[in-house]
Amino acid sequence: MKKLELGQIVKLKKKHPCGSNEWKITRVGTDIKAECQGCGHEILIPRLKFLKLIKE
């Protein structure tokens, strides 16, 4: 299982509509809260779904 840490920058498989695919993790738990590094948009997504979206 991948280790997620607060403040970590991760690249996702799909790009955000703003064109960036880098997200900064701002909350770790059952849900993951991440902030887009391109436009500042924040998302709250279940941990298992988020782990599947991470680019390997």
C-alpha atoms as a PDB file:
ATOM      1  CA  MET A   1       0.000   0.000   0.000  1.00  0.00           C
ATOM      2  CA  LYS A   2       1.250   3.455  -0.872  1.00  0.00           C
ATOM      3  CA  LYS A   3       2.146   5.775   2.002  1.00  0.00           C
ATOM      4  CA  LEU A   4       0.410   9.140   1.941  1.00  0.00           C
ATOM      5  CA  GLU A   5       1.745  12.003   4.047  1.00  0.00           C
ATOM      6  CA  LEU A   6       0.463  15.470   4.795  1.00  0.00           C
ATOM      7  CA  GLY A   7       1.934  18.037   2.393  1.00  0.00           C
ATOM      8  CA  GLN A   8       3.035  15.382  -0.120  1.00  0.00           C
ATOM      9  CA  ILE A   9       2.671  16.268  -3.819  1.00  0.00           C
ATOM     10  CA  VAL A  10       1.235  13.425  -5.922  1.00  0.00           C
ATOM     11  CA  LYS A  11       0.591  13.106  -9.648  1.00  0.00           C
ATOM     12  CA  LEU A  12      -2.755  11.679 -10.718  1.00  0.00           C
ATOM     13  CA  LYS A  13      -3.466   9.750 -13.919  1.00  0.00           C
ATOM     14  CA  LYS A  14      -6.020  12.258 -15.235  1.00  0.00           C
ATOM     15  CA  LYS A  15      -5.457  15.998 -15.562  1.00  0.00           C
ATOM     16  CA  HIS A  16      -7.673  18.531 -13.807  1.00  0.00           C
ATOM     17  CA  PRO A  17      -9.591  20.833 -16.213  1.00  0.00           C
ATOM     18  CA  CYS A  18      -7.044  23.584 -15.429  1.00  0.00           C
ATOM     19  CA  GLY A  19      -4.323  21.390 -17.012  1.00  0.00           C
ATOM     20  CA  SER A  20      -2.423  20.340 -13.875  1.00  0.00           C
ATOM     21  CA  ASN A  21      -2.136  16.740 -12.654  1.00  0.00           C
ATOM     22  CA  GLU A  22      -0.257  17.564  -9.416  1.00  0.00           C
ATOM     23  CA  TRP A  23      -2.149  17.598  -6.119  1.00  0.00           C
ATOM     24  CA  LYS A  24      -0.973  18.468  -2.585  1.00  0.00           C
ATOM     25  CA  ILE A  25      -2.409  16.293   0.189  1.00  0.00           C
ATOM     26  CA  THR A  26      -3.943  18.480   2.918  1.00  0.00           C
ATOM     27  CA  ARG A  27      -5.782  15.831   4.981  1.00  0.00           C
ATOM     28  CA  VAL A  28      -5.153  12.124   5.511  1.00  0.00           C
ATOM     29  CA  GLY A  29      -7.620   9.654   7.024  1.00  0.00           C
ATOM     30  CA  THR A  30     -10.483   7.548   5.714  1.00  0.00           C
ATOM     31  CA  ASP A  31     -10.932  10.338   3.189  1.00  0.00           C
ATOM     32  CA  ILE A  32      -8.144  12.230   1.449  1.00  0.00           C
ATOM     33  CA  LYS A  33      -8.365  15.979   0.927  1.00  0.00           C
ATOM     34  CA  ALA A  34      -6.163  17.332  -1.834  1.00  0.00           C
ATOM     35  CA  GLU A  35      -5.536  20.743  -3.388  1.00  0.00           C
ATOM     36  CA  CYS A  36      -4.824  21.225  -7.095  1.00  0.00           C
ATOM     37  CA  GLN A  37      -1.429  22.875  -7.588  1.00  0.00           C
ATOM     38  CA  GLY A  38      -2.628  24.615 -10.756  1.00  0.00           C
ATOM     39  CA  CYS A  39      -5.793  26.424  -9.639  1.00  0.00           C
ATOM     40  CA  GLY A  40      -6.149  25.740  -5.897  1.00  0.00           C
ATOM     41  CA  HIS A  41      -9.367  23.670  -6.198  1.00  0.00           C
ATOM     42  CA  GLU A  42      -9.838  21.258  -3.282  1.00  0.00           C
ATOM     43  CA  ILE A  43     -11.347  17.766  -3.407  1.00  0.00           C
ATOM     44  CA  LEU A  44     -12.383  15.302  -0.693  1.00  0.00           C
ATOM     45  CA  ILE A  45     -12.314  11.709  -1.939  1.00  0.00           C
ATOM     46  CA  PRO A  46     -12.379   8.259  -0.285  1.00  0.00           C
ATOM     47  CA  ARG A  47      -8.883   6.893   0.355  1.00  0.00           C
ATOM     48  CA  LEU A  48      -9.250   3.702  -1.748  1.00  0.00           C
ATOM     49  CA  LYS A  49     -10.525   5.632  -4.777  1.00  0.00           C
ATOM     50  CA  PHE A  50      -7.694   8.189  -4.409  1.00  0.00           C
ATOM     51  CA  LEU A  51      -5.051   5.432  -4.278  1.00  0.00           C
ATOM     52  CA  LYS A  52      -6.341   4.065  -7.601  1.00  0.00           C
ATOM     53  CA  LEU A  53      -6.025   7.516  -9.213  1.00  0.00           C
ATOM     54  CA  ILE A  54      -2.339   7.986  -8.334  1.00  0.00           C
ATOM     55  CA  LYS A  55       0.035   7.672 -11.291  1.00  0.00           C
ATOM     56  CA  GLU A  56       2.611   4.936 -10.804  1.00  0.00           C
END
